[in-house]
């Protein structure tokens, strides 16, 4: 079972802590975020982990190696020369796994009660890349049809819509409140991406023309009309993004509970 931990971010919202350490090393209940996630992944049966690193990269590497890689196979995808974002980071890291199994992709700063093993098993059974989503309030949403297939993206604040489907793209600048009453082929659901997904390696050939730094969502939007990419919505999902200083206390309460 494979997992990729996205830990290369600059953590600017966590300043001044991240002036001297990477976000992955910010302690919650006495443990760095990266350790909390590694232990969770190991607990569900993950045997291979790749961690992408950039900001204070050596601190993460030294910490993991000092702990004997927590008893599992851990490699590092070095992005110190250039941050590759989620798409470029995944493409570079994928070649470091010793097998072609699906990859559980998890942001290092996300804490949740998600059933990651069930999500992974779902992708093993379907062969379809699947994004864990929620109904949290945000300005940017992914659009899915009534089969839970990705069909687009929208920013409800600006009205921008991105989609390879002309009928979805035509909704740009229209109020999303009107969408359910429009004569669409698609019945649309708006969900927020959780920072957790299971990537199926069958999509890697589609990435061959993508180089350097790019967003995984941009990549998915470019192929979702020809390749199914689905969501998994769990109404009981409890998720916390440890992205700001004021979330650290909430994170400690979350872990304690």
C-alpha atoms as a PDB file:
ATOM      1  CA  UNK A   1       0.000   0.000   0.000  1.00  0.00           C
ATOM      2  CA  UNK A   2       1.491   3.314  -1.129  1.00  0.00           C
ATOM      3  CA  UNK A   3       1.147   6.831   0.259  1.00  0.00           C
ATOM      4  CA  UNK A   4       2.475  10.232  -0.754  1.00  0.00           C
ATOM      5  CA  UNK A   5       2.718  12.962   1.878  1.00  0.00           C
ATOM      6  CA  UNK A   6       2.696  16.494   0.522  1.00  0.00           C
ATOM      7  CA  UNK A   7       5.078  18.304   2.893  1.00  0.00           C
ATOM      8  CA  UNK A   8       6.884  20.726   0.585  1.00  0.00           C
ATOM      9  CA  UNK A   9       4.764  23.823   1.229  1.00  0.00           C
ATOM     10  CA  UNK A  10       6.209  27.032   2.637  1.00  0.00           C
ATOM     11  CA  UNK A  11       3.665  27.219   5.453  1.00  0.00           C
ATOM     12  CA  UNK A  12       3.388  30.993   5.173  1.00  0.00           C
ATOM     13  CA  UNK A  13       0.126  31.086   7.144  1.00  0.00           C
ATOM     14  CA  UNK A  14       1.925  29.490  10.096  1.00  0.00           C
ATOM     15  CA  UNK A  15       4.558  32.196  10.429  1.00  0.00           C
ATOM     16  CA  UNK A  16       6.539  32.880  12.599  1.00  0.00           C
ATOM     17  CA  UNK A  17       6.762  29.129  13.393  1.00  0.00           C
ATOM     18  CA  UNK A  18       7.715  28.339   9.818  1.00  0.00           C
ATOM     19  CA  UNK A  19      10.495  30.925   9.816  1.00  0.00           C
ATOM     20  CA  UNK A  20      12.649  28.272  11.480  1.00  0.00           C
ATOM     21  CA  UNK A  21      10.967  24.965  10.601  1.00  0.00           C
ATOM     22  CA  UNK A  22       8.881  23.377   7.842  1.00  0.00           C
ATOM     23  CA  UNK A  23       5.137  23.065   8.344  1.00  0.00           C
ATOM     24  CA  UNK A  24       5.540  19.291   8.593  1.00  0.00           C
ATOM     25  CA  UNK A  25       7.586  19.727  11.777  1.00  0.00           C
ATOM     26  CA  UNK A  26       5.070  21.927  13.616  1.00  0.00           C
ATOM     27  CA  UNK A  27       4.258  20.002  16.826  1.00  0.00           C
ATOM     28  CA  UNK A  28       0.720  19.027  17.809  1.00  0.00           C
ATOM     29  CA  UNK A  29       0.391  17.376  21.224  1.00  0.00           C
ATOM     30  CA  UNK A  30       4.164  16.993  21.270  1.00  0.00           C
ATOM     31  CA  UNK A  31       4.476  15.300  17.868  1.00  0.00           C
ATOM     32  CA  UNK A  32       5.348  16.876  14.508  1.00  0.00           C
ATOM     33  CA  UNK A  33       2.547  16.793  11.955  1.00  0.00           C
ATOM     34  CA  UNK A  34       4.576  14.507   9.723  1.00  0.00           C
ATOM     35  CA  UNK A  35       4.985  11.925  12.500  1.00  0.00           C
ATOM     36  CA  UNK A  36       1.264  12.006  13.282  1.00  0.00           C
ATOM     37  CA  UNK A  37       0.465  11.246   9.653  1.00  0.00           C
ATOM     38  CA  UNK A  38       3.179   8.608   9.174  1.00  0.00           C
ATOM     39  CA  UNK A  39       1.942   6.722  12.231  1.00  0.00           C
ATOM     40  CA  UNK A  40      -1.648   6.913  10.982  1.00  0.00           C
ATOM     41  CA  UNK A  41      -0.661   5.615   7.553  1.00  0.00           C
ATOM     42  CA  UNK A  42       1.424   2.824   9.019  1.00  0.00           C
ATOM     43  CA  UNK A  43      -1.530   1.863  11.198  1.00  0.00           C
ATOM     44  CA  UNK A  44      -3.787   1.224   8.188  1.00  0.00           C
ATOM     45  CA  UNK A  45      -1.208  -0.920   6.416  1.00  0.00           C
ATOM     46  CA  UNK A  46       0.792   1.510   4.287  1.00  0.00           C
ATOM     47  CA  UNK A  47       4.189  -0.042   3.550  1.00  0.00           C
ATOM     48  CA  UNK A  48       5.739   2.581   1.257  1.00  0.00           C
ATOM     49  CA  UNK A  49       5.694   6.345   1.793  1.00  0.00           C
ATOM     50  CA  UNK A  50       7.171   9.116  -0.292  1.00  0.00           C
ATOM     51  CA  UNK A  51       7.413  12.573   1.273  1.00  0.00           C
ATOM     52  CA  UNK A  52       8.011  15.567  -0.960  1.00  0.00           C
ATOM     53  CA  UNK A  53      10.215  18.233   0.646  1.00  0.00           C
ATOM     54  CA  UNK A  54      11.281  21.806  -0.099  1.00  0.00           C
ATOM     55  CA  UNK A  55      11.124  24.313   2.774  1.00  0.00           C
ATOM     56  CA  UNK A  56      13.729  23.334   5.433  1.00  0.00           C
ATOM     57  CA  UNK A  57      13.786  19.956   3.685  1.00  0.00           C
ATOM     58  CA  UNK A  58      16.717  18.571   5.663  1.00  0.00           C
ATOM     59  CA  UNK A  59      14.867  18.980   8.960  1.00  0.00           C
ATOM     60  CA  UNK A  60      12.179  16.566   7.760  1.00  0.00           C
ATOM     61  CA  UNK A  61      14.703  14.108   6.332  1.00  0.00           C
ATOM     62  CA  UNK A  62      16.844  14.139   9.475  1.00  0.00           C
ATOM     63  CA  UNK A  63      13.825  13.671  11.753  1.00  0.00           C
ATOM     64  CA  UNK A  64      12.411  10.730   9.805  1.00  0.00           C
ATOM     65  CA  UNK A  65      15.797   9.020   9.491  1.00  0.00           C
ATOM     66  CA  UNK A  66      16.578   9.596  13.181  1.00  0.00           C
ATOM     67  CA  UNK A  67      13.400   7.628  13.925  1.00  0.00           C
ATOM     68  CA  UNK A  68      14.459   4.763  11.630  1.00  0.00           C
ATOM     69  CA  UNK A  69      11.729   5.742   9.170  1.00  0.00           C
ATOM     70  CA  UNK A  70       9.197   4.571  11.775  1.00  0.00           C
ATOM     71  CA  UNK A  71       9.772   0.984  10.702  1.00  0.00           C
ATOM     72  CA  UNK A  72       8.544   1.293   7.109  1.00  0.00           C
ATOM     73  CA  UNK A  73       9.988   2.162   3.707  1.00  0.00           C
ATOM     74  CA  UNK A  74      10.145   5.965   3.379  1.00  0.00           C
ATOM     75  CA  UNK A  75      11.741   7.887   0.515  1.00  0.00           C
ATOM     76  CA  UNK A  76      11.972  11.607  -0.186  1.00  0.00           C
ATOM     77  CA  UNK A  77      11.088  13.493  -3.343  1.00  0.00           C
ATOM     78  CA  UNK A  78      13.452  16.477  -3.370  1.00  0.00           C
ATOM     79  CA  UNK A  79      11.874  19.718  -4.579  1.00  0.00           C
ATOM     80  CA  UNK A  80      14.439  22.054  -3.036  1.00  0.00           C
ATOM     81  CA  UNK A  81      15.294  23.514  -6.446  1.00  0.00           C
ATOM     82  CA  UNK A  82      11.662  24.206  -7.378  1.00  0.00           C
ATOM     83  CA  UNK A  83       8.265  23.718  -5.791  1.00  0.00           C
ATOM     84  CA  UNK A  84       6.290  21.585  -8.243  1.00  0.00           C
ATOM     85  CA  UNK A  85       2.807  22.054  -6.741  1.00  0.00           C
ATOM     86  CA  UNK A  86       0.449  19.119  -6.369  1.00  0.00           C
ATOM     87  CA  UNK A  87       0.502  17.837  -9.942  1.00  0.00           C
ATOM     88  CA  UNK A  88       4.202  18.179 -10.592  1.00  0.00           C
ATOM     89  CA  UNK A  89       4.951  16.882  -7.126  1.00  0.00           C
ATOM     90  CA  UNK A  90       2.846  13.774  -7.634  1.00  0.00           C
ATOM     91  CA  UNK A  91       4.341  13.096 -11.065  1.00  0.00           C
ATOM     92  CA  UNK A  92       7.902  13.318  -9.719  1.00  0.00           C
ATOM     93  CA  UNK A  93       7.170  11.230  -6.628  1.00  0.00           C
ATOM     94  CA  UNK A  94       5.292   8.456  -8.459  1.00  0.00           C
ATOM     95  CA  UNK A  95       8.479   6.970  -9.913  1.00  0.00           C
ATOM     96  CA  UNK A  96       9.911   6.458  -6.413  1.00  0.00           C
ATOM     97  CA  UNK A  97       7.439   3.717  -5.502  1.00  0.00           C
ATOM     98  CA  UNK A  98       8.570   0.137  -6.081  1.00  0.00           C
ATOM     99  CA  UNK A  99       5.188  -0.983  -7.434  1.00  0.00           C
ATOM    100  CA  UNK A 100       2.295   0.269  -9.559  1.00  0.00           C
ATOM    101  CA  UNK A 101      -0.373   0.209  -6.848  1.00  0.00           C
ATOM    102  CA  UNK A 102      -2.649   3.225  -6.251  1.00  0.00           C
ATOM    103  CA  UNK A 103      -1.158   6.090  -4.229  1.00  0.00           C
ATOM    104  CA  UNK A 104      -2.929   7.528  -1.199  1.00  0.00           C
ATOM    105  CA  UNK A 105      -2.109  11.247  -1.397  1.00  0.00           C
ATOM    106  CA  UNK A 106      -2.433  13.209   1.850  1.00  0.00           C
ATOM    107  CA  UNK A 107      -1.535  16.807   2.747  1.00  0.00           C
ATOM    108  CA  UNK A 108       0.654  16.828   5.856  1.00  0.00           C
ATOM    109  CA  UNK A 109      -1.413  19.555   7.538  1.00  0.00           C
ATOM    110  CA  UNK A 110      -4.770  17.741   7.369  1.00  0.00           C
ATOM    111  CA  UNK A 111      -6.188  15.946  10.406  1.00  0.00           C
ATOM    112  CA  UNK A 112      -9.350  13.915   9.933  1.00  0.00           C
ATOM    113  CA  UNK A 113     -11.419  10.922  10.974  1.00  0.00           C
ATOM    114  CA  UNK A 114     -11.496   9.720   7.352  1.00  0.00           C
ATOM    115  CA  UNK A 115     -11.600   5.978   6.751  1.00  0.00           C
ATOM    116  CA  UNK A 116      -8.500   5.973   4.559  1.00  0.00           C
ATOM    117  CA  UNK A 117      -8.367   2.201   4.192  1.00  0.00           C
ATOM    118  CA  UNK A 118     -11.913   2.043   2.797  1.00  0.00           C
ATOM    119  CA  UNK A 119     -11.092   4.866   0.404  1.00  0.00           C
ATOM    120  CA  UNK A 120      -8.017   3.006  -0.812  1.00  0.00           C
ATOM    121  CA  UNK A 121      -9.944  -0.266  -1.183  1.00  0.00           C
ATOM    122  CA  UNK A 122     -12.579   1.560  -3.209  1.00  0.00           C
ATOM    123  CA  UNK A 123      -9.955   2.645  -5.733  1.00  0.00           C
ATOM    124  CA  UNK A 124      -8.465  -0.857  -5.842  1.00  0.00           C
ATOM    125  CA  UNK A 125     -11.922  -2.193  -6.715  1.00  0.00           C
ATOM    126  CA  UNK A 126     -12.909   0.451  -9.276  1.00  0.00           C
ATOM    127  CA  UNK A 127      -9.546   1.422 -10.790  1.00  0.00           C
ATOM    128  CA  UNK A 128     -10.697   5.049 -10.650  1.00  0.00           C
ATOM    129  CA  UNK A 129      -8.858   7.970  -9.052  1.00  0.00           C
ATOM    130  CA  UNK A 130     -11.054   9.205  -6.201  1.00  0.00           C
ATOM    131  CA  UNK A 131     -11.016  12.486  -4.279  1.00  0.00           C
ATOM    132  CA  UNK A 132     -12.281  12.735  -0.719  1.00  0.00           C
ATOM    133  CA  UNK A 133     -14.622  15.730  -0.545  1.00  0.00           C
ATOM    134  CA  UNK A 134     -16.757  17.575   1.970  1.00  0.00           C
ATOM    135  CA  UNK A 135     -19.454  20.237   2.125  1.00  0.00           C
ATOM    136  CA  UNK A 136     -17.367  22.754   4.044  1.00  0.00           C
ATOM    137  CA  UNK A 137     -17.892  26.421   3.230  1.00  0.00           C
ATOM    138  CA  UNK A 138     -15.365  27.824   0.773  1.00  0.00           C
ATOM    139  CA  UNK A 139     -15.247  29.923  -2.395  1.00  0.00           C
ATOM    140  CA  UNK A 140     -13.799  27.236  -4.665  1.00  0.00           C
ATOM    141  CA  UNK A 141     -15.666  24.034  -5.365  1.00  0.00           C
ATOM    142  CA  UNK A 142     -15.259  20.986  -7.549  1.00  0.00           C
ATOM    143  CA  UNK A 143     -18.314  20.089  -9.621  1.00  0.00           C
ATOM    144  CA  UNK A 144     -19.543  16.492  -9.838  1.00  0.00           C
ATOM    145  CA  UNK A 145     -22.433  14.918 -11.717  1.00  0.00           C
ATOM    146  CA  UNK A 146     -25.011  12.500 -10.322  1.00  0.00           C
ATOM    147  CA  UNK A 147     -22.604   9.569 -10.751  1.00  0.00           C
ATOM    148  CA  UNK A 148     -19.995  11.416  -8.611  1.00  0.00           C
ATOM    149  CA  UNK A 149     -17.836  12.043 -11.682  1.00  0.00           C
ATOM    150  CA  UNK A 150     -15.753  15.216 -11.841  1.00  0.00           C
ATOM    151  CA  UNK A 151     -17.081  17.625 -14.497  1.00  0.00           C
ATOM    152  CA  UNK A 152     -15.656  21.017 -13.504  1.00  0.00           C
ATOM    153  CA  UNK A 153     -14.578  23.615 -10.972  1.00  0.00           C
ATOM    154  CA  UNK A 154     -16.022  26.933  -9.894  1.00  0.00           C
ATOM    155  CA  UNK A 155     -15.182  29.999  -7.827  1.00  0.00           C
ATOM    156  CA  UNK A 156     -18.542  31.157  -6.499  1.00  0.00           C
ATOM    157  CA  UNK A 157     -17.123  34.548  -5.503  1.00  0.00           C
ATOM    158  CA  UNK A 158     -16.071  35.463  -9.041  1.00  0.00           C
ATOM    159  CA  UNK A 159     -18.429  33.265 -11.045  1.00  0.00           C
ATOM    160  CA  UNK A 160     -15.541  31.599 -12.850  1.00  0.00           C
ATOM    161  CA  UNK A 161     -16.246  28.097 -14.145  1.00  0.00           C
ATOM    162  CA  UNK A 162     -13.665  25.727 -15.594  1.00  0.00           C
ATOM    163  CA  UNK A 163     -14.732  22.584 -17.389  1.00  0.00           C
ATOM    164  CA  UNK A 164     -13.995  20.655 -20.594  1.00  0.00           C
ATOM    165  CA  UNK A 165     -17.781  20.213 -20.971  1.00  0.00           C
ATOM    166  CA  UNK A 166     -19.256  23.163 -22.947  1.00  0.00           C
ATOM    167  CA  UNK A 167     -22.577  22.922 -21.132  1.00  0.00           C
ATOM    168  CA  UNK A 168     -20.844  23.322 -17.768  1.00  0.00           C
ATOM    169  CA  UNK A 169     -18.523  26.067 -19.005  1.00  0.00           C
ATOM    170  CA  UNK A 170     -21.590  27.975 -20.226  1.00  0.00           C
ATOM    171  CA  UNK A 171     -22.632  28.456 -16.592  1.00  0.00           C
ATOM    172  CA  UNK A 172     -19.783  30.936 -16.088  1.00  0.00           C
ATOM    173  CA  UNK A 173     -20.867  34.197 -14.439  1.00  0.00           C
ATOM    174  CA  UNK A 174     -24.343  32.807 -13.703  1.00  0.00           C
ATOM    175  CA  UNK A 175     -25.438  32.538 -10.097  1.00  0.00           C
ATOM    176  CA  UNK A 176     -24.833  29.026  -8.796  1.00  0.00           C
ATOM    177  CA  UNK A 177     -28.212  29.279  -7.049  1.00  0.00           C
ATOM    178  CA  UNK A 178     -29.827  29.046 -10.485  1.00  0.00           C
ATOM    179  CA  UNK A 179     -27.964  25.954 -11.608  1.00  0.00           C
ATOM    180  CA  UNK A 180     -30.438  23.351 -10.263  1.00  0.00           C
ATOM    181  CA  UNK A 181     -33.213  24.878 -12.397  1.00  0.00           C
ATOM    182  CA  UNK A 182     -31.259  25.108 -15.650  1.00  0.00           C
ATOM    183  CA  UNK A 183     -31.846  22.534 -18.434  1.00  0.00           C
ATOM    184  CA  UNK A 184     -28.572  20.687 -17.901  1.00  0.00           C
ATOM    185  CA  UNK A 185     -27.540  17.229 -18.937  1.00  0.00           C
ATOM    186  CA  UNK A 186     -25.655  17.107 -15.627  1.00  0.00           C
ATOM    187  CA  UNK A 187     -27.143  17.244 -12.145  1.00  0.00           C
ATOM    188  CA  UNK A 188     -24.398  19.125 -10.352  1.00  0.00           C
ATOM    189  CA  UNK A 189     -23.080  18.810  -6.817  1.00  0.00           C
ATOM    190  CA  UNK A 190     -20.574  21.268  -5.375  1.00  0.00           C
ATOM    191  CA  UNK A 191     -17.983  19.790  -3.033  1.00  0.00           C
ATOM    192  CA  UNK A 192     -14.787  21.070  -1.439  1.00  0.00           C
ATOM    193  CA  UNK A 193     -11.618  19.035  -1.881  1.00  0.00           C
ATOM    194  CA  UNK A 194     -10.265  17.719   1.431  1.00  0.00           C
ATOM    195  CA  UNK A 195      -6.556  17.449   0.586  1.00  0.00           C
ATOM    196  CA  UNK A 196      -6.876  13.638   0.548  1.00  0.00           C
ATOM    197  CA  UNK A 197      -7.216  11.441  -2.530  1.00  0.00           C
ATOM    198  CA  UNK A 198      -6.248   8.072  -3.951  1.00  0.00           C
ATOM    199  CA  UNK A 199      -4.495   8.398  -7.302  1.00  0.00           C
ATOM    200  CA  UNK A 200      -4.670   5.492  -9.719  1.00  0.00           C
ATOM    201  CA  UNK A 201      -1.436   4.998 -11.707  1.00  0.00           C
ATOM    202  CA  UNK A 202      -3.412   4.445 -14.925  1.00  0.00           C
ATOM    203  CA  UNK A 203      -3.486   8.259 -15.171  1.00  0.00           C
ATOM    204  CA  UNK A 204       0.309   8.598 -15.327  1.00  0.00           C
ATOM    205  CA  UNK A 205       0.496   8.283 -19.153  1.00  0.00           C
ATOM    206  CA  UNK A 206      -1.829  11.291 -19.424  1.00  0.00           C
ATOM    207  CA  UNK A 207       0.761  13.300 -17.453  1.00  0.00           C
ATOM    208  CA  UNK A 208       3.559  12.751 -19.964  1.00  0.00           C
ATOM    209  CA  UNK A 209       2.905  16.083 -21.705  1.00  0.00           C
ATOM    210  CA  UNK A 210       2.780  17.965 -18.387  1.00  0.00           C
ATOM    211  CA  UNK A 211       6.127  19.263 -17.175  1.00  0.00           C
ATOM    212  CA  UNK A 212       7.515  21.098 -14.149  1.00  0.00           C
ATOM    213  CA  UNK A 213       5.124  22.900 -11.848  1.00  0.00           C
ATOM    214  CA  UNK A 214       1.377  22.276 -12.228  1.00  0.00           C
ATOM    215  CA  UNK A 215      -1.746  21.710 -10.183  1.00  0.00           C
ATOM    216  CA  UNK A 216      -3.255  18.237  -9.935  1.00  0.00           C
ATOM    217  CA  UNK A 217      -6.726  19.797 -10.164  1.00  0.00           C
ATOM    218  CA  UNK A 218      -5.755  21.534 -13.431  1.00  0.00           C
ATOM    219  CA  UNK A 219      -4.617  18.150 -14.727  1.00  0.00           C
ATOM    220  CA  UNK A 220      -7.845  16.432 -13.694  1.00  0.00           C
ATOM    221  CA  UNK A 221      -9.959  19.157 -15.292  1.00  0.00           C
ATOM    222  CA  UNK A 222      -8.084  18.673 -18.563  1.00  0.00           C
ATOM    223  CA  UNK A 223      -8.930  14.961 -18.802  1.00  0.00           C
ATOM    224  CA  UNK A 224     -12.186  14.481 -16.876  1.00  0.00           C
ATOM    225  CA  UNK A 225     -14.268  14.455 -20.056  1.00  0.00           C
ATOM    226  CA  UNK A 226     -12.428  11.378 -21.304  1.00  0.00           C
ATOM    227  CA  UNK A 227     -11.281   9.649 -18.092  1.00  0.00           C
ATOM    228  CA  UNK A 228     -13.543   9.224 -15.046  1.00  0.00           C
ATOM    229  CA  UNK A 229     -12.317  10.881 -11.848  1.00  0.00           C
ATOM    230  CA  UNK A 230     -14.721  10.486  -8.979  1.00  0.00           C
ATOM    231  CA  UNK A 231     -15.397  11.816  -5.508  1.00  0.00           C
ATOM    232  CA  UNK A 232     -16.139  10.115  -2.236  1.00  0.00           C
ATOM    233  CA  UNK A 233     -18.415  12.104   0.057  1.00  0.00           C
ATOM    234  CA  UNK A 234     -18.631  11.091   3.695  1.00  0.00           C
ATOM    235  CA  UNK A 235     -21.324  13.068   5.578  1.00  0.00           C
ATOM    236  CA  UNK A 236     -19.617  12.125   8.853  1.00  0.00           C
ATOM    237  CA  UNK A 237     -16.203  13.431   7.835  1.00  0.00           C
ATOM    238  CA  UNK A 238     -14.553  15.563  10.497  1.00  0.00           C
ATOM    239  CA  UNK A 239     -11.575  17.407   9.038  1.00  0.00           C
ATOM    240  CA  UNK A 240      -9.219  20.112  10.247  1.00  0.00           C
ATOM    241  CA  UNK A 241      -6.715  22.034   8.155  1.00  0.00           C
ATOM    242  CA  UNK A 242      -3.823  23.000  10.441  1.00  0.00           C
ATOM    243  CA  UNK A 243      -2.971  25.982   8.278  1.00  0.00           C
ATOM    244  CA  UNK A 244      -2.981  28.925  10.661  1.00  0.00           C
ATOM    245  CA  UNK A 245      -1.655  29.662  14.126  1.00  0.00           C
ATOM    246  CA  UNK A 246      -5.152  29.782  15.591  1.00  0.00           C
ATOM    247  CA  UNK A 247      -5.822  26.207  14.432  1.00  0.00           C
ATOM    248  CA  UNK A 248      -3.036  24.653  16.492  1.00  0.00           C
ATOM    249  CA  UNK A 249      -5.087  24.659  19.698  1.00  0.00           C
ATOM    250  CA  UNK A 250      -8.033  23.211  17.759  1.00  0.00           C
ATOM    251  CA  UNK A 251      -5.723  20.536  16.358  1.00  0.00           C
ATOM    252  CA  UNK A 252      -4.616  19.527  19.851  1.00  0.00           C
ATOM    253  CA  UNK A 253      -8.257  19.267  20.922  1.00  0.00           C
ATOM    254  CA  UNK A 254      -8.977  17.229  17.792  1.00  0.00           C
ATOM    255  CA  UNK A 255      -6.209  14.726  18.507  1.00  0.00           C
ATOM    256  CA  UNK A 256      -7.070  14.506  22.200  1.00  0.00           C
ATOM    257  CA  UNK A 257     -10.671  13.674  21.297  1.00  0.00           C
END
